Amino acid sequence: MLVLGIDPGTAICGYGFVEQIGSYLRPRSYGAITTHSKMDVEKRLLKIYTELEELIQKYQPDAMGVEQLFFNRNVTTAIPVGQARGIVLLAAARYNIPIVERTPMQVKQSVTGYGKATKEQVIYMVTKMLHLPSPPYPDDTADALAVAISAVHCIDSIAWRNR
């Protein structure tokens, strides 16, 4: 099973493809879709959609893990993140890819065993779990891989319960 994890954002939209082979997790591809801050918002969203569509066509994931929008005190960042998240959900719907939504706390719990883990702890565990030669960069890429790992675990537990 191949899962695409997404950490949505308009400046940096992290992505990570994680393949499950038995109980082994293997990274297939990961990185970030970036846009320039001086671009019009609609052009930024189009760039994210276009590049995400290319990735979906190339790798044909079985499912997509997407981090749920978490509102903290900064609403100014929440709106652009929500717009990018909408683009990601649109791409999933366009290619009929099942979506697994995970909160930041669920992702951290799944990857580190602790729902309030630090960003550094998540990066460390993603690097170790996927046997990466170095920590993924930027942080959004590590977050996307963590979302993919969490989605794999979620799908596994659902499949196990439905046996």
C-alpha atoms as a PDB file:
ATOM      1  CA  MET A   1       0.000   0.000   0.000  1.00  0.00           C
ATOM      2  CA  LEU A   2       1.297   3.455  -0.924  1.00  0.00           C
ATOM      3  CA  VAL A   3       0.148   6.454   1.110  1.00  0.00           C
ATOM      4  CA  LEU A   4       0.740  10.095   0.287  1.00  0.00           C
ATOM      5  CA  GLY A   5       1.068  12.308   3.366  1.00  0.00           C
ATOM      6  CA  ILE A   6       0.479  16.034   3.063  1.00  0.00           C
ATOM      7  CA  ASP A   7       1.339  18.911   5.384  1.00  0.00           C
ATOM      8  CA  PRO A   8      -0.661  21.696   3.703  1.00  0.00           C
ATOM      9  CA  GLY A   9       0.584  25.252   3.388  1.00  0.00           C
ATOM     10  CA  THR A  10       0.667  27.946   0.728  1.00  0.00           C
ATOM     11  CA  ALA A  11       4.353  28.872   1.090  1.00  0.00           C
ATOM     12  CA  ILE A  12       5.518  25.296   1.694  1.00  0.00           C
ATOM     13  CA  CYS A  13       3.316  22.257   1.124  1.00  0.00           C
ATOM     14  CA  GLY A  14       5.180  19.198   2.351  1.00  0.00           C
ATOM     15  CA  TYR A  15       4.551  15.800   0.768  1.00  0.00           C
ATOM     16  CA  GLY A  16       5.775  12.300   1.437  1.00  0.00           C
ATOM     17  CA  PHE A  17       5.019   8.936  -0.135  1.00  0.00           C
ATOM     18  CA  VAL A  18       5.364   6.024   2.284  1.00  0.00           C
ATOM     19  CA  GLU A  19       4.952   2.459   1.090  1.00  0.00           C
ATOM     20  CA  GLN A  20       3.968  -0.309   3.472  1.00  0.00           C
ATOM     21  CA  ILE A  21       5.387  -3.714   2.632  1.00  0.00           C
ATOM     22  CA  GLY A  22       4.213  -6.139   5.318  1.00  0.00           C
ATOM     23  CA  SER A  23       5.224  -4.426   8.551  1.00  0.00           C
ATOM     24  CA  TYR A  24       8.046  -2.489   6.880  1.00  0.00           C
ATOM     25  CA  LEU A  25       7.666   1.187   5.903  1.00  0.00           C
ATOM     26  CA  ARG A  26       9.693   2.520   2.997  1.00  0.00           C
ATOM     27  CA  PRO A  27       9.904   6.106   1.733  1.00  0.00           C
ATOM     28  CA  ARG A  28       9.256   6.337  -2.005  1.00  0.00           C
ATOM     29  CA  SER A  29       9.539  10.076  -2.544  1.00  0.00           C
ATOM     30  CA  TYR A  30       9.310  13.198  -0.413  1.00  0.00           C
ATOM     31  CA  GLY A  31       9.840  16.910  -0.649  1.00  0.00           C
ATOM     32  CA  ALA A  32       7.970  20.175  -0.690  1.00  0.00           C
ATOM     33  CA  ILE A  33       6.002  22.228  -3.155  1.00  0.00           C
ATOM     34  CA  THR A  34       7.060  25.827  -2.623  1.00  0.00           C
ATOM     35  CA  THR A  35       5.608  29.098  -3.810  1.00  0.00           C
ATOM     36  CA  HIS A  36       7.004  32.605  -3.689  1.00  0.00           C
ATOM     37  CA  SER A  37       5.391  35.059  -1.266  1.00  0.00           C
ATOM     38  CA  LYS A  38       5.063  37.699  -4.001  1.00  0.00           C
ATOM     39  CA  MET A  39       2.871  35.428  -6.157  1.00  0.00           C
ATOM     40  CA  ASP A  40      -0.873  36.114  -6.232  1.00  0.00           C
ATOM     41  CA  VAL A  41      -2.721  33.699  -3.944  1.00  0.00           C
ATOM     42  CA  GLU A  42      -4.631  32.096  -6.835  1.00  0.00           C
ATOM     43  CA  LYS A  43      -1.340  31.443  -8.687  1.00  0.00           C
ATOM     44  CA  ARG A  44       0.142  29.907  -5.548  1.00  0.00           C
ATOM     45  CA  LEU A  45      -2.852  27.582  -5.160  1.00  0.00           C
ATOM     46  CA  LEU A  46      -2.698  26.643  -8.852  1.00  0.00           C
ATOM     47  CA  LYS A  47       1.008  25.787  -8.531  1.00  0.00           C
ATOM     48  CA  ILE A  48       0.290  23.564  -5.528  1.00  0.00           C
ATOM     49  CA  TYR A  49      -2.559  21.825  -7.361  1.00  0.00           C
ATOM     50  CA  THR A  50      -0.562  21.338 -10.582  1.00  0.00           C
ATOM     51  CA  GLU A  51       2.507  19.909  -8.845  1.00  0.00           C
ATOM     52  CA  LEU A  52       0.397  17.721  -6.550  1.00  0.00           C
ATOM     53  CA  GLU A  53      -1.498  16.407  -9.561  1.00  0.00           C
ATOM     54  CA  GLU A  54       1.811  15.485 -11.256  1.00  0.00           C
ATOM     55  CA  LEU A  55       2.929  13.615  -8.125  1.00  0.00           C
ATOM     56  CA  ILE A  56      -0.388  11.745  -7.904  1.00  0.00           C
ATOM     57  CA  GLN A  57      -0.205  10.755 -11.558  1.00  0.00           C
ATOM     58  CA  LYS A  58       3.391   9.590 -11.198  1.00  0.00           C
ATOM     59  CA  TYR A  59       3.049   7.555  -7.988  1.00  0.00           C
ATOM     60  CA  GLN A  60      -0.691   6.671  -7.944  1.00  0.00           C
ATOM     61  CA  PRO A  61      -1.140   6.436  -4.156  1.00  0.00           C
ATOM     62  CA  ASP A  62      -3.756   4.121  -2.625  1.00  0.00           C
ATOM     63  CA  ALA A  63      -4.669   6.637   0.078  1.00  0.00           C
ATOM     64  CA  MET A  64      -3.842  10.161   1.185  1.00  0.00           C
ATOM     65  CA  GLY A  65      -3.166  11.298   4.730  1.00  0.00           C
ATOM     66  CA  VAL A  66      -3.908  14.961   5.358  1.00  0.00           C
ATOM     67  CA  GLU A  67      -3.270  16.889   8.522  1.00  0.00           C
ATOM     68  CA  GLN A  68      -6.446  18.417   9.900  1.00  0.00           C
ATOM     69  CA  LEU A  69      -6.462  22.159  10.274  1.00  0.00           C
ATOM     70  CA  PHE A  70      -5.603  23.135  13.819  1.00  0.00           C
ATOM     71  CA  PHE A  71      -6.646  26.605  14.906  1.00  0.00           C
ATOM     72  CA  ASN A  72      -4.385  28.243  17.385  1.00  0.00           C
ATOM     73  CA  ARG A  73      -4.127  31.942  18.015  1.00  0.00           C
ATOM     74  CA  ASN A  74      -2.875  32.916  14.556  1.00  0.00           C
ATOM     75  CA  VAL A  75      -5.921  33.100  12.285  1.00  0.00           C
ATOM     76  CA  THR A  76      -3.874  34.871   9.603  1.00  0.00           C
ATOM     77  CA  THR A  77      -1.926  31.676   8.963  1.00  0.00           C
ATOM     78  CA  ALA A  78      -4.952  29.410   9.394  1.00  0.00           C
ATOM     79  CA  ILE A  79      -6.766  30.897   6.386  1.00  0.00           C
ATOM     80  CA  PRO A  80      -3.994  30.280   3.793  1.00  0.00           C
ATOM     81  CA  VAL A  81      -3.368  26.816   5.267  1.00  0.00           C
ATOM     82  CA  GLY A  82      -7.101  26.119   4.929  1.00  0.00           C
ATOM     83  CA  GLN A  83      -6.973  27.223   1.302  1.00  0.00           C
ATOM     84  CA  ALA A  84      -4.026  24.921   0.581  1.00  0.00           C
ATOM     85  CA  ARG A  85      -5.792  22.091   2.415  1.00  0.00           C
ATOM     86  CA  GLY A  86      -8.828  22.634   0.175  1.00  0.00           C
ATOM     87  CA  ILE A  87      -6.616  22.276  -2.898  1.00  0.00           C
ATOM     88  CA  VAL A  88      -5.210  19.016  -1.499  1.00  0.00           C
ATOM     89  CA  LEU A  89      -8.707  17.645  -0.824  1.00  0.00           C
ATOM     90  CA  LEU A  90      -9.771  18.665  -4.339  1.00  0.00           C
ATOM     91  CA  ALA A  91      -6.837  16.760  -5.846  1.00  0.00           C
ATOM     92  CA  ALA A  92      -7.734  13.670  -3.785  1.00  0.00           C
ATOM     93  CA  ALA A  93     -11.361  13.873  -4.937  1.00  0.00           C
ATOM     94  CA  ARG A  94     -10.307  14.427  -8.564  1.00  0.00           C
ATOM     95  CA  TYR A  95      -8.315  11.168  -8.503  1.00  0.00           C
ATOM     96  CA  ASN A  96     -10.736   9.309  -6.227  1.00  0.00           C
ATOM     97  CA  ILE A  97      -8.092   8.779  -3.520  1.00  0.00           C
ATOM     98  CA  PRO A  98      -9.453   7.875  -0.070  1.00  0.00           C
ATOM     99  CA  ILE A  99      -8.510  10.441   2.575  1.00  0.00           C
ATOM    100  CA  VAL A 100      -7.348   9.760   6.126  1.00  0.00           C
ATOM    101  CA  GLU A 101      -7.503  12.927   8.216  1.00  0.00           C
ATOM    102  CA  ARG A 102      -5.287  13.114  11.297  1.00  0.00           C
ATOM    103  CA  THR A 103      -4.944  15.830  13.900  1.00  0.00           C
ATOM    104  CA  PRO A 104      -1.438  17.041  14.739  1.00  0.00           C
ATOM    105  CA  MET A 105      -1.755  15.284  18.113  1.00  0.00           C
ATOM    106  CA  GLN A 106      -2.765  11.976  16.454  1.00  0.00           C
ATOM    107  CA  VAL A 107       0.181  12.223  14.075  1.00  0.00           C
ATOM    108  CA  LYS A 108       2.628  12.841  16.929  1.00  0.00           C
ATOM    109  CA  GLN A 109       1.102  10.015  18.984  1.00  0.00           C
ATOM    110  CA  SER A 110       1.372   7.615  16.059  1.00  0.00           C
ATOM    111  CA  VAL A 111       4.981   8.468  15.232  1.00  0.00           C
ATOM    112  CA  THR A 112       6.543   9.171  18.643  1.00  0.00           C
ATOM    113  CA  GLY A 113       4.138   7.563  21.102  1.00  0.00           C
ATOM    114  CA  TYR A 114       3.461  10.963  22.681  1.00  0.00           C
ATOM    115  CA  GLY A 115       0.776  13.360  21.400  1.00  0.00           C
ATOM    116  CA  LYS A 116       2.619  16.463  22.595  1.00  0.00           C
ATOM    117  CA  ALA A 117       6.007  15.560  21.124  1.00  0.00           C
ATOM    118  CA  THR A 118       8.243  18.342  19.879  1.00  0.00           C
ATOM    119  CA  LYS A 119       8.962  18.952  16.220  1.00  0.00           C
ATOM    120  CA  GLU A 120      12.517  17.685  16.799  1.00  0.00           C
ATOM    121  CA  GLN A 121      11.201  14.414  18.268  1.00  0.00           C
ATOM    122  CA  VAL A 122       8.907  13.906  15.253  1.00  0.00           C
ATOM    123  CA  ILE A 123      11.761  14.572  12.809  1.00  0.00           C
ATOM    124  CA  TYR A 124      14.023  12.168  14.711  1.00  0.00           C
ATOM    125  CA  MET A 125      11.434   9.368  14.722  1.00  0.00           C
ATOM    126  CA  VAL A 126      10.515   9.845  11.044  1.00  0.00           C
ATOM    127  CA  THR A 127      14.215   9.649  10.147  1.00  0.00           C
ATOM    128  CA  LYS A 128      14.655   6.451  12.187  1.00  0.00           C
ATOM    129  CA  MET A 129      11.370   4.748  11.170  1.00  0.00           C
ATOM    130  CA  LEU A 130      12.032   5.283   7.467  1.00  0.00           C
ATOM    131  CA  HIS A 131      15.801   4.616   7.695  1.00  0.00           C
ATOM    132  CA  LEU A 132      16.574   7.956   6.055  1.00  0.00           C
ATOM    133  CA  PRO A 133      20.243   8.913   5.645  1.00  0.00           C
ATOM    134  CA  SER A 134      19.524  12.390   7.077  1.00  0.00           C
ATOM    135  CA  PRO A 135      16.543  14.271   8.518  1.00  0.00           C
ATOM    136  CA  PRO A 136      14.064  15.415   5.852  1.00  0.00           C
ATOM    137  CA  TYR A 137      14.206  19.095   4.993  1.00  0.00           C
ATOM    138  CA  PRO A 138      12.301  21.366   5.291  1.00  0.00           C
ATOM    139  CA  ASP A 139      10.341  20.522   8.456  1.00  0.00           C
ATOM    140  CA  ASP A 140       7.129  20.452   6.413  1.00  0.00           C
ATOM    141  CA  THR A 141       8.500  17.437   4.539  1.00  0.00           C
ATOM    142  CA  ALA A 142       9.158  15.594   7.795  1.00  0.00           C
ATOM    143  CA  ASP A 143       5.633  16.499   8.919  1.00  0.00           C
ATOM    144  CA  ALA A 144       4.185  15.138   5.671  1.00  0.00           C
ATOM    145  CA  LEU A 145       6.085  11.855   6.101  1.00  0.00           C
ATOM    146  CA  ALA A 146       4.787  11.694   9.692  1.00  0.00           C
ATOM    147  CA  VAL A 147       1.231  12.195   8.393  1.00  0.00           C
ATOM    148  CA  ALA A 148       1.759   9.362   5.880  1.00  0.00           C
ATOM    149  CA  ILE A 149       3.087   7.047   8.613  1.00  0.00           C
ATOM    150  CA  SER A 150       0.150   7.934  10.855  1.00  0.00           C
ATOM    151  CA  ALA A 151      -2.305   7.301   8.007  1.00  0.00           C
ATOM    152  CA  VAL A 152      -0.743   3.872   7.366  1.00  0.00           C
ATOM    153  CA  HIS A 153      -1.145   3.022  11.059  1.00  0.00           C
ATOM    154  CA  CYS A 154      -4.745   4.260  11.012  1.00  0.00           C
ATOM    155  CA  ILE A 155      -5.602   2.219   7.908  1.00  0.00           C
ATOM    156  CA  ASP A 156      -3.958  -0.841   9.491  1.00  0.00           C
ATOM    157  CA  SER A 157      -6.013  -0.524  12.668  1.00  0.00           C
ATOM    158  CA  ILE A 158      -9.242  -0.068  10.694  1.00  0.00           C
ATOM    159  CA  ALA A 159      -8.443  -3.121   8.553  1.00  0.00           C
ATOM    160  CA  TRP A 160      -7.573  -5.120  11.669  1.00  0.00           C
ATOM    161  CA  ARG A 161     -10.870  -4.180  13.374  1.00  0.00           C
ATOM    162  CA  ASN A 162     -12.851  -5.103  10.250  1.00  0.00           C
ATOM    163  CA  ARG A 163     -11.466  -8.654  10.051  1.00  0.00           C
END
